[in-house]
Protein backbone atom coordinates (compact mmCIF):
# COMPACT_ATOMS: atom_id res chain seq x y z
CA UNK A 1 -0.72 -15.90 7.96
CA UNK A 2 -0.94 -19.20 6.13
CA UNK A 3 2.23 -21.12 5.52
CA UNK A 4 1.17 -21.36 1.88
CA UNK A 5 0.87 -17.72 0.88
CA UNK A 6 2.62 -14.46 1.60
CA UNK A 7 1.37 -11.64 3.79
CA UNK A 8 0.58 -9.39 0.83
CA UNK A 9 -1.94 -11.94 -0.46
CA UNK A 10 -3.75 -11.94 2.85
CA UNK A 11 -3.76 -8.13 2.96
CA UNK A 12 -5.05 -7.99 -0.62
CA UNK A 13 -8.00 -10.19 0.31
CA UNK A 14 -8.72 -8.21 3.47
CA UNK A 15 -8.65 -4.91 1.57
CA UNK A 16 -11.05 -6.19 -1.08
CA UNK A 17 -13.32 -8.03 1.38
CA UNK A 18 -13.79 -5.98 4.58
CA UNK A 19 -15.99 -8.65 6.19
CA UNK A 20 -13.09 -11.08 5.79
CA UNK A 21 -10.79 -8.59 7.52
CA UNK A 22 -13.19 -8.45 10.47
CA UNK A 23 -12.52 -12.14 11.11
CA UNK A 24 -8.83 -11.50 11.80
CA UNK A 25 -6.61 -14.22 10.41
CA UNK A 26 -7.50 -15.44 6.94
CA UNK A 27 -8.11 -19.18 7.10
CA UNK A 28 -7.43 -21.26 4.00
CA UNK A 29 -10.90 -22.81 4.10
CA UNK A 30 -13.11 -19.77 4.74
CA UNK A 31 -15.83 -19.43 2.10
CA UNK A 32 -15.35 -16.16 0.22
CA UNK A 33 -18.91 -15.49 -0.97
CA UNK A 34 -20.37 -15.14 2.55
CA UNK A 35 -17.68 -12.57 3.40
CA UNK A 36 -18.51 -10.38 0.41
CA UNK A 37 -17.07 -11.89 -2.76
CA UNK A 38 -19.67 -10.82 -5.30
CA UNK A 39 -19.12 -10.15 -9.00
CA UNK A 40 -17.65 -6.67 -8.46
CA UNK A 41 -15.32 -7.86 -5.70
CA UNK A 42 -14.22 -10.75 -7.93
CA UNK A 43 -13.10 -8.34 -10.64
CA UNK A 44 -11.33 -6.17 -8.06
CA UNK A 45 -9.51 -9.18 -6.57
CA UNK A 46 -8.44 -10.38 -10.02
CA UNK A 47 -7.03 -6.99 -10.99
CA UNK A 48 -5.21 -6.71 -7.67
CA UNK A 49 -3.76 -10.21 -8.03
CA UNK A 50 -2.53 -9.54 -11.55
CA UNK A 51 -0.97 -6.22 -10.56
CA UNK A 52 0.53 -7.42 -7.29
CA UNK A 53 2.05 -10.61 -8.63
CA UNK A 54 2.84 -9.55 -12.21
CA UNK A 55 0.70 -12.30 -13.68
CA UNK A 56 -1.99 -12.58 -16.31
CA UNK A 57 -4.85 -14.88 -15.39
CA UNK A 58 -6.31 -16.42 -18.55
CA UNK A 59 -10.07 -16.59 -18.97
CA UNK A 60 -10.05 -20.39 -19.09
CA UNK A 61 -8.69 -20.44 -15.52
CA UNK A 62 -11.63 -18.41 -14.22
CA UNK A 63 -13.86 -21.28 -13.20
CA UNK A 64 -16.39 -20.99 -10.36
CA UNK A 65 -14.48 -23.25 -7.96
CA UNK A 66 -11.42 -21.02 -8.13
CA UNK A 67 -13.19 -18.42 -5.98
CA UNK A 68 -14.47 -20.73 -3.25
CA UNK A 69 -11.77 -20.12 -0.62
CA UNK A 70 -8.47 -18.28 -0.17
CA UNK A 71 -6.72 -21.63 -0.74
CA UNK A 72 -8.40 -22.31 -4.10
CA UNK A 73 -7.71 -18.77 -5.26
CA UNK A 74 -4.08 -18.95 -4.12
CA UNK A 75 -3.67 -22.20 -6.09
CA UNK A 76 -4.62 -20.21 -9.20
CA UNK A 77 -2.03 -17.55 -8.38
CA UNK A 78 0.61 -20.23 -7.91
CA UNK A 79 -0.25 -21.83 -11.26
CA UNK A 80 0.09 -18.48 -12.96
CA UNK A 81 3.30 -17.65 -11.13
CA UNK A 82 4.71 -20.99 -12.19
CA UNK A 83 5.41 -19.53 -15.61
CA UNK A 84 2.46 -20.95 -17.51
CA UNK A 85 0.76 -17.56 -17.70
CA UNK A 86 3.38 -15.00 -16.73
CA UNK A 87 2.60 -11.43 -17.73
């Protein structure tokens, strides 16, 4: 598990992206598209993140670079958890 995110985040990604789970540990810099992050998986991940962390991710935060790696996606979660966009 990364020192930057909790275990439930890693499990959430593995559940939504089975090819990521096959790699074992989720590295912060692994590219998400090659392990199955397509448009449907993106929506699934977003819904899971909002439900799991009690956040609302505003549309203006949904930029392409956000979905590059687990680290860039976790940075979005942290911004939202910081109170700016609490549910």
